[in-house]
Amino acid sequence: MADPIRIRAKSNNGLTEVMVLMPHPMETGLGLDASGRGRRAHYISDVEVNLGDRTVLRARLSIAVSKDPLISFRFKGGQPGDRIDVTWTDNLGDRGAGSASIG
């Protein structure tokens, strides 16, 4: 089982700042393994962050993103106690999800 997504969200003066750490190998597929064979690409391709029924972030990632991506962003709205839900899908069909309350 993969490590859980870590989410920090804080509301201040009508803006909510969110930081999301998604443990993932983010393999580019450009390197070689110990036997000299090419490694299979394995990376997060889609991320979605929701506040209730409202999507506040939708992102497409690629092999250019490093291991264990950290995404930080702000949006208008959100109150302390509201729930932030994060989901990701990678290029092999694996999925991850996590949630946190806004502080």
PDB file of N, CA and C in Angstrom:
ATOM      1  N   MET A   1       0.849  -1.191   0.000  1.00  0.00           N
ATOM      2  CA  MET A   1       0.000   0.000   0.000  1.00  0.00           C
ATOM      3  C   MET A   1       0.891   1.249   0.000  1.00  0.00           C
ATOM      4  N   ALA A   2       0.525   2.213  -0.800  1.00  0.00           N
ATOM      5  CA  ALA A   2       1.280   3.457  -0.914  1.00  0.00           C
ATOM      6  C   ALA A   2       1.109   4.299   0.343  1.00  0.00           C
ATOM      7  N   ASP A   3       2.093   5.164   0.586  1.00  0.00           N
ATOM      8  CA  ASP A   3       1.987   6.101   1.699  1.00  0.00           C
ATOM      9  C   ASP A   3       0.807   7.027   1.447  1.00  0.00           C
ATOM     10  N   PRO A   4       0.163   7.501   2.514  1.00  0.00           N
ATOM     11  CA  PRO A   4      -1.003   8.370   2.316  1.00  0.00           C
ATOM     12  C   PRO A   4      -0.615   9.764   1.828  1.00  0.00           C
ATOM     13  N   ILE A   5      -1.555  10.382   1.141  1.00  0.00           N
ATOM     14  CA  ILE A   5      -1.408  11.776   0.734  1.00  0.00           C
ATOM     15  C   ILE A   5      -1.428  12.628   2.001  1.00  0.00           C
ATOM     16  N   ARG A   6      -0.538  13.606   2.063  1.00  0.00           N
ATOM     17  CA  ARG A   6      -0.514  14.534   3.197  1.00  0.00           C
ATOM     18  C   ARG A   6      -1.032  15.882   2.714  1.00  0.00           C
ATOM     19  N   ILE A   7      -2.015  16.410   3.431  1.00  0.00           N
ATOM     20  CA  ILE A   7      -2.684  17.649   3.020  1.00  0.00           C
ATOM     21  C   ILE A   7      -2.681  18.622   4.190  1.00  0.00           C
ATOM     22  N   ARG A   8      -2.324  19.861   3.887  1.00  0.00           N
ATOM     23  CA  ARG A   8      -2.408  20.940   4.852  1.00  0.00           C
ATOM     24  C   ARG A   8      -3.213  22.056   4.208  1.00  0.00           C
ATOM     25  N   ALA A   9      -4.253  22.512   4.883  1.00  0.00           N
ATOM     26  CA  ALA A   9      -5.096  23.579   4.338  1.00  0.00           C
ATOM     27  C   ALA A   9      -5.427  24.569   5.441  1.00  0.00           C
ATOM     28  N   LYS A  10      -5.247  25.856   5.142  1.00  0.00           N
ATOM     29  CA  LYS A  10      -5.498  26.890   6.131  1.00  0.00           C
ATOM     30  C   LYS A  10      -6.211  28.060   5.466  1.00  0.00           C
ATOM     31  N   SER A  11      -7.264  28.552   6.120  1.00  0.00           N
ATOM     32  CA  SER A  11      -8.044  29.671   5.610  1.00  0.00           C
ATOM     33  C   SER A  11      -7.652  30.942   6.351  1.00  0.00           C
ATOM     34  N   ASN A  12      -7.520  32.042   5.574  1.00  0.00           N
ATOM     35  CA  ASN A  12      -7.161  33.324   6.166  1.00  0.00           C
ATOM     36  C   ASN A  12      -7.720  34.448   5.293  1.00  0.00           C
ATOM     37  N   ASN A  13      -8.588  35.264   5.849  1.00  0.00           N
ATOM     38  CA  ASN A  13      -9.157  36.428   5.152  1.00  0.00           C
ATOM     39  C   ASN A  13      -9.776  36.072   3.798  1.00  0.00           C
ATOM     40  N   GLY A  14     -10.544  34.994   3.730  1.00  0.00           N
ATOM     41  CA  GLY A  14     -11.249  34.634   2.504  1.00  0.00           C
ATOM     42  C   GLY A  14     -10.436  33.835   1.501  1.00  0.00           C
ATOM     43  N   LEU A  15      -9.149  33.596   1.790  1.00  0.00           N
ATOM     44  CA  LEU A  15      -8.301  32.768   0.922  1.00  0.00           C
ATOM     45  C   LEU A  15      -7.919  31.501   1.662  1.00  0.00           C
ATOM     46  N   THR A  16      -7.937  30.393   0.961  1.00  0.00           N
ATOM     47  CA  THR A  16      -7.489  29.127   1.531  1.00  0.00           C
ATOM     48  C   THR A  16      -6.214  28.713   0.828  1.00  0.00           C
ATOM     49  N   GLU A  17      -5.178  28.438   1.611  1.00  0.00           N
ATOM     50  CA  GLU A  17      -3.903  27.968   1.077  1.00  0.00           C
ATOM     51  C   GLU A  17      -3.800  26.474   1.346  1.00  0.00           C
ATOM     52  N   VAL A  18      -3.474  25.729   0.286  1.00  0.00           N
ATOM     53  CA  VAL A  18      -3.429  24.274   0.366  1.00  0.00           C
ATOM     54  C   VAL A  18      -2.048  23.782  -0.065  1.00  0.00           C
ATOM     55  N   MET A  19      -1.520  22.816   0.682  1.00  0.00           N
ATOM     56  CA  MET A  19      -0.293  22.115   0.300  1.00  0.00           C
ATOM     57  C   MET A  19      -0.607  20.621   0.299  1.00  0.00           C
ATOM     58  N   VAL A  20      -0.253  19.960  -0.796  1.00  0.00           N
ATOM     59  CA  VAL A  20      -0.536  18.533  -0.953  1.00  0.00           C
ATOM     60  C   VAL A  20       0.757  17.815  -1.308  1.00  0.00           C
ATOM     61  N   LEU A  21       1.141  16.821  -0.489  1.00  0.00           N
ATOM     62  CA  LEU A  21       2.307  15.985  -0.752  1.00  0.00           C
ATOM     63  C   LEU A  21       1.795  14.600  -1.140  1.00  0.00           C
ATOM     64  N   MET A  22       2.148  14.161  -2.355  1.00  0.00           N
ATOM     65  CA  MET A  22       1.662  12.885  -2.876  1.00  0.00           C
ATOM     66  C   MET A  22       2.836  11.916  -3.049  1.00  0.00           C
ATOM     67  N   PRO A  23       3.054  11.004  -2.112  1.00  0.00           N
ATOM     68  CA  PRO A  23       4.137  10.038  -2.268  1.00  0.00           C
ATOM     69  C   PRO A  23       3.933   9.193  -3.532  1.00  0.00           C
ATOM     70  N   HIS A  24       4.923   9.228  -4.422  1.00  0.00           N
ATOM     71  CA  HIS A  24       4.845   8.484  -5.683  1.00  0.00           C
ATOM     72  C   HIS A  24       6.245   8.459  -6.303  1.00  0.00           C
ATOM     73  N   PRO A  25       6.648   7.356  -6.943  1.00  0.00           N
ATOM     74  CA  PRO A  25       7.998   7.283  -7.510  1.00  0.00           C
ATOM     75  C   PRO A  25       8.249   8.219  -8.688  1.00  0.00           C
ATOM     76  N   MET A  26       7.221   8.566  -9.435  1.00  0.00           N
ATOM     77  CA  MET A  26       7.348   9.483 -10.570  1.00  0.00           C
ATOM     78  C   MET A  26       8.524   9.093 -11.480  1.00  0.00           C
ATOM     79  N   GLU A  27       8.521   7.870 -11.939  1.00  0.00           N
ATOM     80  CA  GLU A  27       9.574   7.351 -12.820  1.00  0.00           C
ATOM     81  C   GLU A  27       9.352   7.842 -14.248  1.00  0.00           C
ATOM     82  N   THR A  28      10.400   8.426 -14.837  1.00  0.00           N
ATOM     83  CA  THR A  28      10.292   9.024 -16.172  1.00  0.00           C
ATOM     84  C   THR A  28      10.230   8.000 -17.302  1.00  0.00           C
ATOM     85  N   GLY A  29      10.798   6.828 -17.063  1.00  0.00           N
ATOM     86  CA  GLY A  29      10.882   5.839 -18.134  1.00  0.00           C
ATOM     87  C   GLY A  29      12.108   6.047 -19.010  1.00  0.00           C
ATOM     88  N   LEU A  30      12.950   7.013 -18.683  1.00  0.00           N
ATOM     89  CA  LEU A  30      14.130   7.324 -19.491  1.00  0.00           C
ATOM     90  C   LEU A  30      15.398   6.656 -18.959  1.00  0.00           C
ATOM     91  N   GLY A  31      15.356   6.161 -17.722  1.00  0.00           N
ATOM     92  CA  GLY A  31      16.540   5.561 -17.117  1.00  0.00           C
ATOM     93  C   GLY A  31      16.620   4.059 -17.361  1.00  0.00           C
ATOM     94  N   LEU A  32      17.721   3.485 -16.893  1.00  0.00           N
ATOM     95  CA  LEU A  32      17.945   2.048 -17.014  1.00  0.00           C
ATOM     96  C   LEU A  32      17.967   1.426 -15.625  1.00  0.00           C
ATOM     97  N   ASP A  33      17.513   0.169 -15.543  1.00  0.00           N
ATOM     98  CA  ASP A  33      17.598  -0.532 -14.267  1.00  0.00           C
ATOM     99  C   ASP A  33      18.989  -1.159 -14.127  1.00  0.00           C
ATOM    100  N   ALA A  34      19.230  -1.919 -13.063  1.00  0.00           N
ATOM    101  CA  ALA A  34      20.545  -2.495 -12.786  1.00  0.00           C
ATOM    102  C   ALA A  34      21.011  -3.450 -13.878  1.00  0.00           C
ATOM    103  N   SER A  35      20.083  -4.049 -14.596  1.00  0.00           N
ATOM    104  CA  SER A  35      20.454  -4.994 -15.662  1.00  0.00           C
ATOM    105  C   SER A  35      20.619  -4.307 -17.017  1.00  0.00           C
ATOM    106  N   GLY A  36      20.445  -3.005 -17.068  1.00  0.00           N
ATOM    107  CA  GLY A  36      20.627  -2.267 -18.309  1.00  0.00           C
ATOM    108  C   GLY A  36      19.381  -2.149 -19.166  1.00  0.00           C
ATOM    109  N   ARG A  37      18.254  -2.641 -18.666  1.00  0.00           N
ATOM    110  CA  ARG A  37      16.987  -2.516 -19.399  1.00  0.00           C
ATOM    111  C   ARG A  37      16.301  -1.196 -19.044  1.00  0.00           C
ATOM    112  N   GLY A  38      15.534  -0.694 -19.961  1.00  0.00           N
ATOM    113  CA  GLY A  38      14.793   0.543 -19.725  1.00  0.00           C
ATOM    114  C   GLY A  38      13.754   0.368 -18.639  1.00  0.00           C
ATOM    115  N   ARG A  39      13.606   1.386 -17.828  1.00  0.00           N
ATOM    116  CA  ARG A  39      12.580   1.383 -16.795  1.00  0.00           C
ATOM    117  C   ARG A  39      11.251   1.805 -17.400  1.00  0.00           C
ATOM    118  N   ARG A  40      10.193   1.264 -16.861  1.00  0.00           N
ATOM    119  CA  ARG A  40       8.846   1.612 -17.303  1.00  0.00           C
ATOM    120  C   ARG A  40       8.442   2.964 -16.702  1.00  0.00           C
ATOM    121  N   ALA A  41       7.875   3.836 -17.519  1.00  0.00           N
ATOM    122  CA  ALA A  41       7.378   5.119 -17.017  1.00  0.00           C
ATOM    123  C   ALA A  41       6.248   4.864 -16.023  1.00  0.00           C
ATOM    124  N   HIS A  42       6.273   5.597 -14.909  1.00  0.00           N
ATOM    125  CA  HIS A  42       5.247   5.465 -13.876  1.00  0.00           C
ATOM    126  C   HIS A  42       5.146   6.809 -13.160  1.00  0.00           C
ATOM    127  N   TYR A  43       4.119   7.581 -13.488  1.00  0.00           N
ATOM    128  CA  TYR A  43       3.998   8.938 -12.966  1.00  0.00           C
ATOM    129  C   TYR A  43       2.535   9.316 -12.778  1.00  0.00           C
ATOM    130  N   ILE A  44       2.295  10.234 -11.849  1.00  0.00           N
ATOM    131  CA  ILE A  44       0.948  10.772 -11.651  1.00  0.00           C
ATOM    132  C   ILE A  44       0.604  11.613 -12.868  1.00  0.00           C
ATOM    133  N   SER A  45      -0.548  11.340 -13.448  1.00  0.00           N
ATOM    134  CA  SER A  45      -0.951  12.072 -14.651  1.00  0.00           C
ATOM    135  C   SER A  45      -2.071  13.084 -14.372  1.00  0.00           C
ATOM    136  N   ASP A  46      -2.925  12.806 -13.412  1.00  0.00           N
ATOM    137  CA  ASP A  46      -4.070  13.686 -13.150  1.00  0.00           C
ATOM    138  C   ASP A  46      -4.266  13.871 -11.652  1.00  0.00           C
ATOM    139  N   VAL A  47      -4.509  15.111 -11.251  1.00  0.00           N
ATOM    140  CA  VAL A  47      -4.783  15.450  -9.854  1.00  0.00           C
ATOM    141  C   VAL A  47      -6.046  16.302  -9.820  1.00  0.00           C
ATOM    142  N   GLU A  48      -6.914  16.024  -8.852  1.00  0.00           N
ATOM    143  CA  GLU A  48      -8.101  16.851  -8.667  1.00  0.00           C
ATOM    144  C   GLU A  48      -8.282  17.134  -7.185  1.00  0.00           C
ATOM    145  N   VAL A  49      -8.580  18.391  -6.871  1.00  0.00           N
ATOM    146  CA  VAL A  49      -8.825  18.812  -5.495  1.00  0.00           C
ATOM    147  C   VAL A  49     -10.213  19.432  -5.443  1.00  0.00           C
ATOM    148  N   ASN A  50     -11.021  18.953  -4.495  1.00  0.00           N
ATOM    149  CA  ASN A  50     -12.395  19.429  -4.364  1.00  0.00           C
ATOM    150  C   ASN A  50     -12.661  19.960  -2.964  1.00  0.00           C
ATOM    151  N   LEU A  51     -13.491  20.973  -2.905  1.00  0.00           N
ATOM    152  CA  LEU A  51     -14.041  21.506  -1.672  1.00  0.00           C
ATOM    153  C   LEU A  51     -15.534  21.235  -1.761  1.00  0.00           C
ATOM    154  N   GLY A  52     -15.980  20.169  -1.125  1.00  0.00           N
ATOM    155  CA  GLY A  52     -17.372  19.734  -1.290  1.00  0.00           C
ATOM    156  C   GLY A  52     -17.609  19.361  -2.741  1.00  0.00           C
ATOM    157  N   ASP A  53     -18.619  19.966  -3.376  1.00  0.00           N
ATOM    158  CA  ASP A  53     -18.940  19.690  -4.783  1.00  0.00           C
ATOM    159  C   ASP A  53     -18.161  20.579  -5.752  1.00  0.00           C
ATOM    160  N   ARG A  54     -17.362  21.494  -5.230  1.00  0.00           N
ATOM    161  CA  ARG A  54     -16.634  22.463  -6.059  1.00  0.00           C
ATOM    162  C   ARG A  54     -15.200  21.980  -6.327  1.00  0.00           C
ATOM    163  N   THR A  55     -14.829  21.893  -7.599  1.00  0.00           N
ATOM    164  CA  THR A  55     -13.451  21.572  -7.958  1.00  0.00           C
ATOM    165  C   THR A  55     -12.641  22.857  -7.881  1.00  0.00           C
ATOM    166  N   VAL A  56     -11.598  22.845  -7.033  1.00  0.00           N
ATOM    167  CA  VAL A  56     -10.773  24.046  -6.869  1.00  0.00           C
ATOM    168  C   VAL A  56      -9.435  23.920  -7.589  1.00  0.00           C
ATOM    169  N   LEU A  57      -9.056  22.700  -7.988  1.00  0.00           N
ATOM    170  CA  LEU A  57      -7.839  22.503  -8.768  1.00  0.00           C
ATOM    171  C   LEU A  57      -7.965  21.225  -9.575  1.00  0.00           C
ATOM    172  N   ARG A  58      -7.596  21.327 -10.834  1.00  0.00           N
ATOM    173  CA  ARG A  58      -7.480  20.158 -11.710  1.00  0.00           C
ATOM    174  C   ARG A  58      -6.155  20.334 -12.440  1.00  0.00           C
ATOM    175  N   ALA A  59      -5.264  19.334 -12.342  1.00  0.00           N
ATOM    176  CA  ALA A  59      -3.927  19.465 -12.930  1.00  0.00           C
ATOM    177  C   ALA A  59      -3.546  18.195 -13.689  1.00  0.00           C
ATOM    178  N   ARG A  60      -2.789  18.397 -14.769  1.00  0.00           N
ATOM    179  CA  ARG A  60      -2.193  17.302 -15.541  1.00  0.00           C
ATOM    180  C   ARG A  60      -0.692  17.352 -15.288  1.00  0.00           C
ATOM    181  N   LEU A  61      -0.126  16.249 -14.836  1.00  0.00           N
ATOM    182  CA  LEU A  61       1.302  16.165 -14.582  1.00  0.00           C
ATOM    183  C   LEU A  61       1.950  15.285 -15.647  1.00  0.00           C
ATOM    184  N   SER A  62       3.285  15.283 -15.656  1.00  0.00           N
ATOM    185  CA  SER A  62       4.028  14.504 -16.648  1.00  0.00           C
ATOM    186  C   SER A  62       5.295  13.960 -16.011  1.00  0.00           C
ATOM    187  N   ILE A  63       6.148  13.393 -16.834  1.00  0.00           N
ATOM    188  CA  ILE A  63       7.406  12.843 -16.349  1.00  0.00           C
ATOM    189  C   ILE A  63       8.350  13.933 -15.853  1.00  0.00           C
ATOM    190  N   ALA A  64       8.071  15.179 -16.128  1.00  0.00           N
ATOM    191  CA  ALA A  64       8.936  16.293 -15.722  1.00  0.00           C
ATOM    192  C   ALA A  64       8.802  16.634 -14.239  1.00  0.00           C
ATOM    193  N   VAL A  65       7.894  15.990 -13.520  1.00  0.00           N
ATOM    194  CA  VAL A  65       7.665  16.272 -12.103  1.00  0.00           C
ATOM    195  C   VAL A  65       8.452  15.269 -11.267  1.00  0.00           C
ATOM    196  N   SER A  66       9.123  15.770 -10.232  1.00  0.00           N
ATOM    197  CA  SER A  66       9.994  14.930  -9.412  1.00  0.00           C
ATOM    198  C   SER A  66       9.222  13.983  -8.498  1.00  0.00           C
ATOM    199  N   LYS A  67       9.961  13.042  -7.922  1.00  0.00           N
ATOM    200  CA  LYS A  67       9.421  12.063  -6.980  1.00  0.00           C
ATOM    201  C   LYS A  67       8.688  12.776  -5.845  1.00  0.00           C
ATOM    202  N   ASP A  68       7.612  12.186  -5.363  1.00  0.00           N
ATOM    203  CA  ASP A  68       6.810  12.710  -4.262  1.00  0.00           C
ATOM    204  C   ASP A  68       6.408  14.172  -4.488  1.00  0.00           C
ATOM    205  N   PRO A  69       5.590  14.424  -5.514  1.00  0.00           N
ATOM    206  CA  PRO A  69       5.225  15.809  -5.853  1.00  0.00           C
ATOM    207  C   PRO A  69       4.571  16.559  -4.695  1.00  0.00           C
ATOM    208  N   LEU A  70       4.941  17.821  -4.574  1.00  0.00           N
ATOM    209  CA  LEU A  70       4.338  18.738  -3.621  1.00  0.00           C
ATOM    210  C   LEU A  70       3.676  19.850  -4.431  1.00  0.00           C
ATOM    211  N   ILE A  71       2.369  19.991  -4.266  1.00  0.00           N
ATOM    212  CA  ILE A  71       1.616  21.025  -4.968  1.00  0.00           C
ATOM    213  C   ILE A  71       1.094  22.007  -3.926  1.00  0.00           C
ATOM    214  N   SER A  72       1.305  23.292  -4.177  1.00  0.00           N
ATOM    215  CA  SER A  72       0.822  24.338  -3.287  1.00  0.00           C
ATOM    216  C   SER A  72       0.019  25.332  -4.121  1.00  0.00           C
ATOM    217  N   PHE A  73      -1.145  25.730  -3.615  1.00  0.00           N
ATOM    218  CA  PHE A  73      -1.987  26.678  -4.356  1.00  0.00           C
ATOM    219  C   PHE A  73      -2.938  27.362  -3.379  1.00  0.00           C
ATOM    220  N   ARG A  74      -3.575  28.426  -3.850  1.00  0.00           N
ATOM    221  CA  ARG A  74      -4.571  29.175  -3.084  1.00  0.00           C
ATOM    222  C   ARG A  74      -5.855  29.276  -3.899  1.00  0.00           C
ATOM    223  N   PHE A  75      -6.950  29.395  -3.178  1.00  0.00           N
ATOM    224  CA  PHE A  75      -8.226  29.664  -3.841  1.00  0.00           C
ATOM    225  C   PHE A  75      -9.098  30.503  -2.922  1.00  0.00           C
ATOM    226  N   LYS A  76     -10.048  31.226  -3.535  1.00  0.00           N
ATOM    227  CA  LYS A  76     -10.995  32.029  -2.766  1.00  0.00           C
ATOM    228  C   LYS A  76     -12.076  31.119  -2.213  1.00  0.00           C
ATOM    229  N   GLY A  77     -12.398  31.336  -0.949  1.00  0.00           N
ATOM    230  CA  GLY A  77     -13.447  30.556  -0.302  1.00  0.00           C
ATOM    231  C   GLY A  77     -12.861  29.527   0.647  1.00  0.00           C
ATOM    232  N   GLY A  78     -13.727  28.754   1.211  1.00  0.00           N
ATOM    233  CA  GLY A  78     -13.326  27.754   2.187  1.00  0.00           C
ATOM    234  C   GLY A  78     -13.319  28.347   3.586  1.00  0.00           C
ATOM    235  N   GLN A  79     -13.839  27.595   4.519  1.00  0.00           N
ATOM    236  CA  GLN A  79     -13.920  28.026   5.917  1.00  0.00           C
ATOM    237  C   GLN A  79     -13.271  26.969   6.796  1.00  0.00           C
ATOM    238  N   PRO A  80     -12.763  27.374   7.959  1.00  0.00           N
ATOM    239  CA  PRO A  80     -12.228  26.371   8.887  1.00  0.00           C
ATOM    240  C   PRO A  80     -13.272  25.280   9.141  1.00  0.00           C
ATOM    241  N   GLY A  81     -12.829  24.040   9.066  1.00  0.00           N
ATOM    242  CA  GLY A  81     -13.726  22.895   9.243  1.00  0.00           C
ATOM    243  C   GLY A  81     -14.227  22.294   7.945  1.00  0.00           C
ATOM    244  N   ASP A  82     -14.210  23.065   6.829  1.00  0.00           N
ATOM    245  CA  ASP A  82     -14.601  22.512   5.525  1.00  0.00           C
ATOM    246  C   ASP A  82     -13.608  21.427   5.127  1.00  0.00           C
ATOM    247  N   ARG A  83     -14.074  20.473   4.354  1.00  0.00           N
ATOM    248  CA  ARG A  83     -13.249  19.339   3.954  1.00  0.00           C
ATOM    249  C   ARG A  83     -12.687  19.514   2.545  1.00  0.00           C
ATOM    250  N   ILE A  84     -11.387  19.258   2.407  1.00  0.00           N
ATOM    251  CA  ILE A  84     -10.686  19.240   1.120  1.00  0.00           C
ATOM    252  C   ILE A  84     -10.455  17.777   0.753  1.00  0.00           C
ATOM    253  N   ASP A  85     -10.832  17.381  -0.462  1.00  0.00           N
ATOM    254  CA  ASP A  85     -10.612  16.015  -0.955  1.00  0.00           C
ATOM    255  C   ASP A  85      -9.656  16.057  -2.141  1.00  0.00           C
ATOM    256  N   VAL A  86      -8.636  15.199  -2.108  1.00  0.00           N
ATOM    257  CA  VAL A  86      -7.627  15.129  -3.168  1.00  0.00           C
ATOM    258  C   VAL A  86      -7.633  13.722  -3.743  1.00  0.00           C
ATOM    259  N   THR A  87      -7.651  13.635  -5.086  1.00  0.00           N
ATOM    260  CA  THR A  87      -7.503  12.345  -5.755  1.00  0.00           C
ATOM    261  C   THR A  87      -6.473  12.477  -6.866  1.00  0.00           C
ATOM    262  N   TRP A  88      -5.726  11.398  -7.099  1.00  0.00           N
ATOM    263  CA  TRP A  88      -4.809  11.366  -8.243  1.00  0.00           C
ATOM    264  C   TRP A  88      -4.923  10.024  -8.939  1.00  0.00           C
ATOM    265  N   THR A  89      -4.567  10.030 -10.224  1.00  0.00           N
ATOM    266  CA  THR A  89      -4.499   8.828 -11.042  1.00  0.00           C
ATOM    267  C   THR A  89      -3.168   8.861 -11.760  1.00  0.00           C
ATOM    268  N   ASP A  90      -2.507   7.701 -11.860  1.00  0.00           N
ATOM    269  CA  ASP A  90      -1.247   7.693 -12.595  1.00  0.00           C
ATOM    270  C   ASP A  90      -1.406   7.020 -13.954  1.00  0.00           C
ATOM    271  N   ASN A  91      -0.337   7.032 -14.730  1.00  0.00           N
ATOM    272  CA  ASN A  91      -0.398   6.531 -16.101  1.00  0.00           C
ATOM    273  C   ASN A  91      -0.608   5.015 -16.175  1.00  0.00           C
ATOM    274  N   LEU A  92      -0.474   4.308 -15.064  1.00  0.00           N
ATOM    275  CA  LEU A  92      -0.710   2.856 -15.050  1.00  0.00           C
ATOM    276  C   LEU A  92      -2.084   2.517 -14.474  1.00  0.00           C
ATOM    277  N   GLY A  93      -2.861   3.545 -14.140  1.00  0.00           N
ATOM    278  CA  GLY A  93      -4.215   3.323 -13.624  1.00  0.00           C
ATOM    279  C   GLY A  93      -4.302   3.238 -12.102  1.00  0.00           C
ATOM    280  N   ASP A  94      -3.161   3.357 -11.399  1.00  0.00           N
ATOM    281  CA  ASP A  94      -3.211   3.377  -9.946  1.00  0.00           C
ATOM    282  C   ASP A  94      -3.842   4.686  -9.481  1.00  0.00           C
ATOM    283  N   ARG A  95      -4.440   4.644  -8.299  1.00  0.00           N
ATOM    284  CA  ARG A  95      -5.128   5.828  -7.777  1.00  0.00           C
ATOM    285  C   ARG A  95      -4.721   6.068  -6.322  1.00  0.00           C
ATOM    286  N   GLY A  96      -4.824   7.324  -5.931  1.00  0.00           N
ATOM    287  CA  GLY A  96      -4.609   7.696  -4.540  1.00  0.00           C
ATOM    288  C   GLY A  96      -5.627   8.730  -4.151  1.00  0.00           C
ATOM    289  N   ALA A  97      -5.937   8.784  -2.858  1.00  0.00           N
ATOM    290  CA  ALA A  97      -6.926   9.743  -2.375  1.00  0.00           C
ATOM    291  C   ALA A  97      -6.614  10.102  -0.930  1.00  0.00           C
ATOM    292  N   GLY A  98      -7.026  11.297  -0.559  1.00  0.00           N
ATOM    293  CA  GLY A  98      -6.877  11.741   0.812  1.00  0.00           C
ATOM    294  C   GLY A  98      -7.768  12.936   1.062  1.00  0.00           C
ATOM    295  N   SER A  99      -7.979  13.245   2.337  1.00  0.00           N
ATOM    296  CA  SER A  99      -8.789  14.402   2.667  1.00  0.00           C
ATOM    297  C   SER A  99      -8.288  15.016   3.973  1.00  0.00           C
ATOM    298  N   ALA A 100      -8.638  16.274   4.168  1.00  0.00           N
ATOM    299  CA  ALA A 100      -8.266  16.994   5.377  1.00  0.00           C
ATOM    300  C   ALA A 100      -9.256  18.132   5.589  1.00  0.00           C
ATOM    301  N   SER A 101      -9.366  18.569   6.816  1.00  0.00           N
ATOM    302  CA  SER A 101     -10.194  19.723   7.137  1.00  0.00           C
ATOM    303  C   SER A 101      -9.357  20.987   7.064  1.00  0.00           C
ATOM    304  N   ILE A 102      -9.989  22.057   6.620  1.00  0.00           N
ATOM    305  CA  ILE A 102      -9.319  23.352   6.587  1.00  0.00           C
ATOM    306  C   ILE A 102      -9.164  23.857   8.021  1.00  0.00           C
ATOM    307  N   GLY A 103      -7.966  24.322   8.333  1.00  0.00           N
ATOM    308  CA  GLY A 103      -7.684  24.858   9.655  1.00  0.00           C
ATOM    309  C   GLY A 103      -7.808  26.349   9.671  1.00  0.00           C
TER     310      GLY A 103
END
